[in-house]
């Protein structure tokens, strides 16, 4: 739990390079992903970056943070049902990939 300036504590997962199960005490670049959607979805990708010597931090967020100065929205459509994988409610076939699940 990471305390914020306004007293709110945000649930945070940190992944860092290690040797023999002990975190390496060096400086590494950091990938920070703050999301309102739950961190467990992203946890599987942490290993990919940690093996390439990045520190990975996933953090849950809360609405109307008073000190936010900038953000980079991803998947920021105004209506996901209309402009996301569906167009005006109809599933877009470009998102259908019959190879998914086959290896």
C-alpha atoms as a PDB file:
ATOM      1  CA  UNK A   1       0.000   0.000   0.000  1.00  0.00           C
ATOM      2  CA  UNK A   2       1.498   3.318  -1.084  1.00  0.00           C
ATOM      3  CA  UNK A   3       0.275   6.437   0.770  1.00  0.00           C
ATOM      4  CA  UNK A   4      -0.683   9.440  -1.339  1.00  0.00           C
ATOM      5  CA  UNK A   5      -0.488  13.083  -0.238  1.00  0.00           C
ATOM      6  CA  UNK A   6      -4.193  13.165   0.513  1.00  0.00           C
ATOM      7  CA  UNK A   7      -3.956  10.138   2.849  1.00  0.00           C
ATOM      8  CA  UNK A   8      -5.422   7.574   0.430  1.00  0.00           C
ATOM      9  CA  UNK A   9      -3.371   4.365   0.196  1.00  0.00           C
ATOM     10  CA  UNK A  10      -3.140   2.740  -3.234  1.00  0.00           C
ATOM     11  CA  UNK A  11      -2.591  -0.973  -3.691  1.00  0.00           C
ATOM     12  CA  UNK A  12       0.679  -1.408  -5.616  1.00  0.00           C
ATOM     13  CA  UNK A  13       2.573  -4.413  -6.980  1.00  0.00           C
ATOM     14  CA  UNK A  14       6.325  -4.055  -7.603  1.00  0.00           C
ATOM     15  CA  UNK A  15       8.358  -6.462  -9.723  1.00  0.00           C
ATOM     16  CA  UNK A  16      12.117  -6.057  -9.963  1.00  0.00           C
ATOM     17  CA  UNK A  17      15.116  -8.003 -11.240  1.00  0.00           C
ATOM     18  CA  UNK A  18      16.504 -10.486  -8.712  1.00  0.00           C
ATOM     19  CA  UNK A  19      19.365 -12.938  -8.296  1.00  0.00           C
ATOM     20  CA  UNK A  20      18.635 -16.135  -6.406  1.00  0.00           C
ATOM     21  CA  UNK A  21      15.339 -14.682  -5.221  1.00  0.00           C
ATOM     22  CA  UNK A  22      16.924 -11.531  -3.765  1.00  0.00           C
ATOM     23  CA  UNK A  23      16.102  -8.167  -5.411  1.00  0.00           C
ATOM     24  CA  UNK A  24      19.122  -6.672  -7.159  1.00  0.00           C
ATOM     25  CA  UNK A  25      20.079  -3.363  -5.549  1.00  0.00           C
ATOM     26  CA  UNK A  26      20.879  -1.473  -8.758  1.00  0.00           C
ATOM     27  CA  UNK A  27      19.141   1.304 -10.628  1.00  0.00           C
ATOM     28  CA  UNK A  28      16.848   0.141 -13.429  1.00  0.00           C
ATOM     29  CA  UNK A  29      14.393   1.903 -15.738  1.00  0.00           C
ATOM     30  CA  UNK A  30      10.829   1.739 -14.437  1.00  0.00           C
ATOM     31  CA  UNK A  31       7.589   0.905 -16.205  1.00  0.00           C
ATOM     32  CA  UNK A  32       4.671   2.336 -14.220  1.00  0.00           C
ATOM     33  CA  UNK A  33       1.129   1.320 -15.129  1.00  0.00           C
ATOM     34  CA  UNK A  34      -1.661   2.885 -13.101  1.00  0.00           C
ATOM     35  CA  UNK A  35      -5.042   1.381 -13.838  1.00  0.00           C
ATOM     36  CA  UNK A  36      -8.608   1.436 -12.512  1.00  0.00           C
ATOM     37  CA  UNK A  37      -9.247  -2.047 -13.975  1.00  0.00           C
ATOM     38  CA  UNK A  38      -7.392  -4.336 -11.562  1.00  0.00           C
ATOM     39  CA  UNK A  39      -3.714  -5.194 -11.512  1.00  0.00           C
ATOM     40  CA  UNK A  40      -3.946  -8.981 -11.845  1.00  0.00           C
ATOM     41  CA  UNK A  41      -4.674  -8.679 -15.571  1.00  0.00           C
ATOM     42  CA  UNK A  42      -1.230  -7.127 -16.140  1.00  0.00           C
ATOM     43  CA  UNK A  43       0.824  -9.279 -13.767  1.00  0.00           C
ATOM     44  CA  UNK A  44       1.646 -11.890 -16.408  1.00  0.00           C
ATOM     45  CA  UNK A  45       3.449  -9.260 -18.509  1.00  0.00           C
ATOM     46  CA  UNK A  46       5.738  -8.213 -15.633  1.00  0.00           C
ATOM     47  CA  UNK A  47       8.077 -11.197 -16.059  1.00  0.00           C
ATOM     48  CA  UNK A  48       8.798 -10.255 -19.686  1.00  0.00           C
ATOM     49  CA  UNK A  49      10.087  -6.816 -18.675  1.00  0.00           C
ATOM     50  CA  UNK A  50      11.803  -7.878 -15.438  1.00  0.00           C
ATOM     51  CA  UNK A  51      13.891 -10.394 -17.400  1.00  0.00           C
ATOM     52  CA  UNK A  52      14.995  -7.444 -19.556  1.00  0.00           C
ATOM     53  CA  UNK A  53      16.124  -5.530 -16.461  1.00  0.00           C
ATOM     54  CA  UNK A  54      13.168  -3.222 -15.870  1.00  0.00           C
ATOM     55  CA  UNK A  55      11.374  -2.547 -12.617  1.00  0.00           C
ATOM     56  CA  UNK A  56       7.624  -2.935 -13.216  1.00  0.00           C
ATOM     57  CA  UNK A  57       5.045  -1.240 -10.989  1.00  0.00           C
ATOM     58  CA  UNK A  58       1.288  -1.804 -11.300  1.00  0.00           C
ATOM     59  CA  UNK A  59      -0.885   0.448  -9.188  1.00  0.00           C
ATOM     60  CA  UNK A  60      -4.618   0.723  -8.684  1.00  0.00           C
ATOM     61  CA  UNK A  61      -5.996   4.278  -8.875  1.00  0.00           C
ATOM     62  CA  UNK A  62      -8.929   6.265  -7.553  1.00  0.00           C
ATOM     63  CA  UNK A  63     -11.024   9.112  -9.340  1.00  0.00           C
ATOM     64  CA  UNK A  64     -10.410  12.949  -9.052  1.00  0.00           C
ATOM     65  CA  UNK A  65      -6.809  12.893  -7.710  1.00  0.00           C
ATOM     66  CA  UNK A  66      -6.066  16.527  -6.777  1.00  0.00           C
ATOM     67  CA  UNK A  67      -2.394  16.518  -7.821  1.00  0.00           C
ATOM     68  CA  UNK A  68      -2.591  14.872 -11.249  1.00  0.00           C
ATOM     69  CA  UNK A  69      -0.770  17.113 -13.733  1.00  0.00           C
ATOM     70  CA  UNK A  70      -0.667  14.888 -16.817  1.00  0.00           C
ATOM     71  CA  UNK A  71      -1.789  11.475 -18.040  1.00  0.00           C
ATOM     72  CA  UNK A  72      -1.565   9.346 -21.155  1.00  0.00           C
ATOM     73  CA  UNK A  73      -4.963   7.759 -21.816  1.00  0.00           C
ATOM     74  CA  UNK A  74      -4.993   4.369 -23.503  1.00  0.00           C
ATOM     75  CA  UNK A  75      -8.169   2.922 -25.018  1.00  0.00           C
ATOM     76  CA  UNK A  76      -9.820   6.234 -24.289  1.00  0.00           C
ATOM     77  CA  UNK A  77     -12.904   6.142 -26.464  1.00  0.00           C
ATOM     78  CA  UNK A  78     -16.000   7.887 -25.190  1.00  0.00           C
ATOM     79  CA  UNK A  79     -18.256   4.864 -25.716  1.00  0.00           C
ATOM     80  CA  UNK A  80     -16.524   1.480 -25.840  1.00  0.00           C
ATOM     81  CA  UNK A  81     -19.676  -0.261 -27.097  1.00  0.00           C
ATOM     82  CA  UNK A  82     -19.837   2.054 -30.067  1.00  0.00           C
ATOM     83  CA  UNK A  83     -16.194   2.770 -30.872  1.00  0.00           C
ATOM     84  CA  UNK A  84     -14.282  -0.192 -29.423  1.00  0.00           C
ATOM     85  CA  UNK A  85     -14.558  -3.820 -30.506  1.00  0.00           C
ATOM     86  CA  UNK A  86     -18.096  -3.033 -31.524  1.00  0.00           C
ATOM     87  CA  UNK A  87     -19.180  -0.434 -34.019  1.00  0.00           C
ATOM     88  CA  UNK A  88     -22.622   0.930 -33.225  1.00  0.00           C
ATOM     89  CA  UNK A  89     -23.239  -2.259 -31.241  1.00  0.00           C
ATOM     90  CA  UNK A  90     -22.143  -4.784 -33.908  1.00  0.00           C
ATOM     91  CA  UNK A  91     -19.005  -6.828 -33.241  1.00  0.00           C
ATOM     92  CA  UNK A  92     -16.256  -5.866 -35.708  1.00  0.00           C
ATOM     93  CA  UNK A  93     -14.880  -8.892 -37.499  1.00  0.00           C
ATOM     94  CA  UNK A  94     -11.384  -7.391 -37.534  1.00  0.00           C
ATOM     95  CA  UNK A  95     -11.210  -8.332 -33.840  1.00  0.00           C
ATOM     96  CA  UNK A  96     -12.074 -11.976 -34.564  1.00  0.00           C
ATOM     97  CA  UNK A  97      -8.906 -14.049 -34.856  1.00  0.00           C
ATOM     98  CA  UNK A  98      -9.536 -17.781 -35.299  1.00  0.00           C
ATOM     99  CA  UNK A  99      -5.860 -18.459 -34.483  1.00  0.00           C
ATOM    100  CA  UNK A 100      -6.263 -17.295 -30.888  1.00  0.00           C
ATOM    101  CA  UNK A 101      -6.027 -20.240 -28.569  1.00  0.00           C
ATOM    102  CA  UNK A 102      -4.198 -22.404 -31.127  1.00  0.00           C
ATOM    103  CA  UNK A 103      -0.489 -23.024 -30.747  1.00  0.00           C
END
